[in-house]
Protein backbone atom coordinates (compact mmCIF):
# COMPACT_ATOMS: atom_id res chain seq x y z
CA MET A 1 37.34 -12.81 93.89
CA ASN A 2 39.36 -11.24 95.46
CA GLY A 3 36.95 -7.64 95.40
CA THR A 4 39.01 -6.05 92.42
CA VAL A 5 36.18 -4.74 89.91
CA SER A 6 37.84 -5.25 86.12
CA ALA A 7 37.91 -2.40 83.49
CA GLU A 8 35.66 -4.29 81.27
CA ALA A 9 32.89 -4.22 84.21
CA PRO A 10 30.68 -1.05 83.19
CA THR A 11 29.04 0.83 86.48
CA VAL A 12 26.41 2.92 86.79
CA ALA A 13 28.09 6.12 86.84
CA SER A 14 29.64 5.14 83.30
CA LEU A 15 26.74 4.36 81.44
CA LEU A 16 24.68 7.27 82.94
CA SER A 17 27.33 10.23 81.88
CA THR A 18 28.42 7.73 78.27
CA GLY A 19 24.01 7.88 78.16
CA CYS A 20 23.71 12.07 79.00
CA ALA A 21 26.95 12.47 76.71
CA ILE A 22 24.88 10.95 73.76
CA VAL A 23 21.69 12.92 74.74
CA VAL A 24 23.67 16.01 75.10
CA GLY A 25 25.56 15.30 71.83
CA SER A 26 22.43 14.72 69.67
CA GLU A 27 20.53 17.80 71.17
CA ALA A 28 23.97 19.48 69.81
CA ARG A 29 23.67 18.18 66.82
CA SER A 30 19.89 19.11 66.42
CA GLN A 31 20.50 22.23 67.22
CA HIS A 32 23.45 23.26 65.20
CA SER A 33 21.15 21.41 61.84
CA VAL A 34 18.13 23.53 62.57
CA GLN A 35 20.96 26.68 62.30
CA VAL A 36 21.69 25.39 58.72
CA VAL A 37 18.26 25.11 57.85
CA GLN A 38 16.77 28.09 59.23
CA VAL A 39 20.25 30.44 57.32
CA ALA A 40 19.49 28.38 54.26
CA VAL A 41 15.71 29.42 54.36
CA LEU A 42 16.60 32.76 54.93
CA CYS A 43 19.43 33.40 52.25
CA VAL A 44 16.83 31.23 49.26
CA LEU A 45 14.67 34.07 50.93
CA CYS A 46 16.70 37.01 50.52
CA LEU A 47 17.60 35.63 46.92
CA THR A 48 14.15 35.81 46.18
CA VAL A 49 13.66 39.08 47.34
CA ILE A 50 15.92 40.87 45.18
CA PHE A 51 15.20 38.77 41.93
CA GLY A 52 11.52 39.90 42.47
CA ILE A 53 13.16 43.48 42.99
CA VAL A 54 15.51 43.12 39.60
CA PHE A 55 13.04 41.62 37.34
CA LEU A 56 9.80 44.25 38.52
CA GLY A 57 12.68 46.79 37.81
CA CYS A 58 13.54 45.54 34.60
CA ASN A 59 9.70 45.25 33.75
CA LEU A 60 9.14 48.82 34.28
CA LEU A 61 12.00 50.24 32.64
CA LEU A 62 10.66 48.26 29.61
CA ARG A 63 7.15 49.62 29.93
CA ALA A 64 8.45 53.53 30.87
CA GLU A 65 10.93 53.00 27.52
CA SER A 66 7.74 51.98 25.50
CA MET A 67 5.59 54.51 26.84
CA MET A 68 7.98 57.28 25.94
CA ALA A 69 8.47 55.40 22.58
CA LEU A 70 4.82 56.38 22.11
CA LEU A 71 5.00 60.01 23.84
CA ALA A 72 7.80 61.02 21.16
CA ARG A 73 5.63 59.24 18.34
CA ASP A 74 2.48 61.60 19.22
CA ARG A 75 4.91 64.39 19.55
CA ARG A 76 6.57 64.93 15.78
CA PRO A 77 4.11 66.86 13.54
CA SER A 78 2.26 65.02 11.36
CA LYS A 79 2.63 65.66 7.38
CA GLU A 80 -0.66 66.69 7.03
CA MET A 81 0.14 69.56 8.80
CA GLU A 82 3.45 70.40 7.00
CA VAL A 83 1.61 70.32 3.73
CA GLY A 84 -1.02 73.03 5.00
CA ILE A 85 1.33 74.83 6.57
CA ALA A 86 3.80 74.50 2.78
CA GLY A 87 0.22 75.58 1.02
CA THR A 88 -0.75 78.25 3.14
């Protein structure tokens, strides 16, 4: 009753500043979590593209090797041709 304010009684200004700090802090955490999610999604997409290129390249390489094997088999002279040449 002597006109002094006790240290334990919150004032309106202190309540508003605390409330603003909580809101700003949650927005900063929210923005940080959004950035973390964006980085994670970007990493997953990059890995998907890299693995897609690698597996597509391996598939094309295997197909090219099998086609080369078919061409090499076709280019060898047949045994009938050898018999015809040797019989003349």
